Amino acid sequence: MDCAPCAYGLERGLKNMEGLESVKVSLNDGKAYLDLAKNNDLSLRQIQEEVNKNDFSAKKAEIVIKGTLVEQDGN
């Protein structure tokens, strides 16, 4: 990612997706930082397709999970 308008376009495209709480695209490191909304049903494939639709390629994904682990249905 080489220019601010490119980063802005990708960020705008990602922000239009349902299921994302916040989106930040960093021009400095060429990464997109996404916070998923609670109870979303987004898949990694859907996010990659949106990135590709904006003329970028999603090469790697690093997933960091934050929150509280809650027992559900005995598991």
Protein backbone atom coordinates (compact mmCIF):
# COMPACT_ATOMS: atom_id res chain seq x y z
CA MET A 1 0.00 0.00 0.00
CA ASP A 2 1.67 3.14 -1.22
CA CYS A 3 -0.76 6.02 -0.86
CA ALA A 4 -3.25 7.49 1.59
CA PRO A 5 -6.17 7.37 -0.88
CA CYS A 6 -5.53 3.63 -1.33
CA ALA A 7 -5.61 3.03 2.42
CA TYR A 8 -8.74 5.17 2.75
CA GLY A 9 -10.52 3.27 -0.05
CA LEU A 10 -9.77 -0.09 1.55
CA GLU A 11 -10.82 1.17 4.98
CA ARG A 12 -14.08 2.53 3.57
CA GLY A 13 -14.81 -0.77 1.81
CA LEU A 14 -14.19 -2.78 4.96
CA LYS A 15 -16.28 -0.40 7.09
CA ASN A 16 -19.26 -1.12 4.83
CA MET A 17 -19.22 -4.78 5.84
CA GLU A 18 -21.78 -5.87 8.42
CA GLY A 19 -20.23 -7.54 11.43
CA LEU A 20 -17.23 -5.26 11.88
CA GLU A 21 -17.22 -2.97 14.90
CA SER A 22 -14.16 -0.95 13.91
CA VAL A 23 -11.67 -0.81 11.05
CA LYS A 24 -8.27 0.86 10.82
CA VAL A 25 -6.00 0.56 7.80
CA SER A 26 -2.41 1.56 8.49
CA LEU A 27 -0.49 3.06 5.60
CA ASN A 28 2.74 2.75 7.63
CA ASP A 29 2.73 -1.04 7.97
CA GLY A 30 0.27 -1.98 5.21
CA LYS A 31 -2.09 -3.79 7.58
CA ALA A 32 -5.78 -3.64 8.33
CA TYR A 33 -6.88 -3.91 11.95
CA LEU A 34 -10.43 -5.18 12.40
CA ASP A 35 -12.57 -5.53 15.51
CA LEU A 36 -15.45 -7.91 14.99
CA ALA A 37 -18.86 -7.09 16.43
CA LYS A 38 -20.32 -9.46 18.98
CA ASN A 39 -22.33 -12.31 17.43
CA ASN A 40 -21.08 -11.56 13.92
CA ASP A 41 -21.07 -14.22 11.24
CA LEU A 42 -18.24 -12.92 9.07
CA SER A 43 -15.77 -15.37 7.63
CA LEU A 44 -12.13 -14.80 6.81
CA ARG A 45 -13.01 -15.53 3.17
CA GLN A 46 -15.54 -12.66 3.12
CA ILE A 47 -12.95 -10.26 4.48
CA GLN A 48 -10.37 -11.44 1.94
CA GLU A 49 -12.90 -10.97 -0.88
CA GLU A 50 -13.53 -7.38 0.21
CA VAL A 51 -9.78 -6.72 0.32
CA ASN A 52 -9.39 -8.21 -3.18
CA LYS A 53 -12.37 -6.18 -4.45
CA ASN A 54 -10.43 -3.05 -3.47
CA ASP A 55 -7.45 -4.15 -5.63
CA PHE A 56 -5.30 -5.46 -2.78
CA SER A 57 -4.33 -8.98 -1.84
CA ALA A 58 -4.75 -10.40 1.63
CA LYS A 59 -1.55 -12.41 1.98
CA LYS A 60 -1.60 -13.31 5.67
CA ALA A 61 -4.05 -13.09 8.51
CA GLU A 62 -3.09 -12.91 12.14
CA ILE A 63 -6.03 -13.45 14.43
CA VAL A 64 -5.90 -12.17 17.99
CA ILE A 65 -8.80 -13.09 20.23
CA LYS A 66 -9.56 -10.95 23.27
CA GLY A 67 -12.35 -11.30 25.75
CA THR A 68 -13.71 -13.61 28.38
CA LEU A 69 -14.03 -17.35 27.91
CA VAL A 70 -17.52 -18.39 28.95
CA GLU A 71 -18.81 -21.93 29.40
CA GLN A 72 -21.67 -22.60 27.03
CA ASP A 73 -23.74 -25.78 26.78
CA GLY A 74 -21.39 -27.61 29.15
CA ASN A 75 -18.29 -26.93 27.02
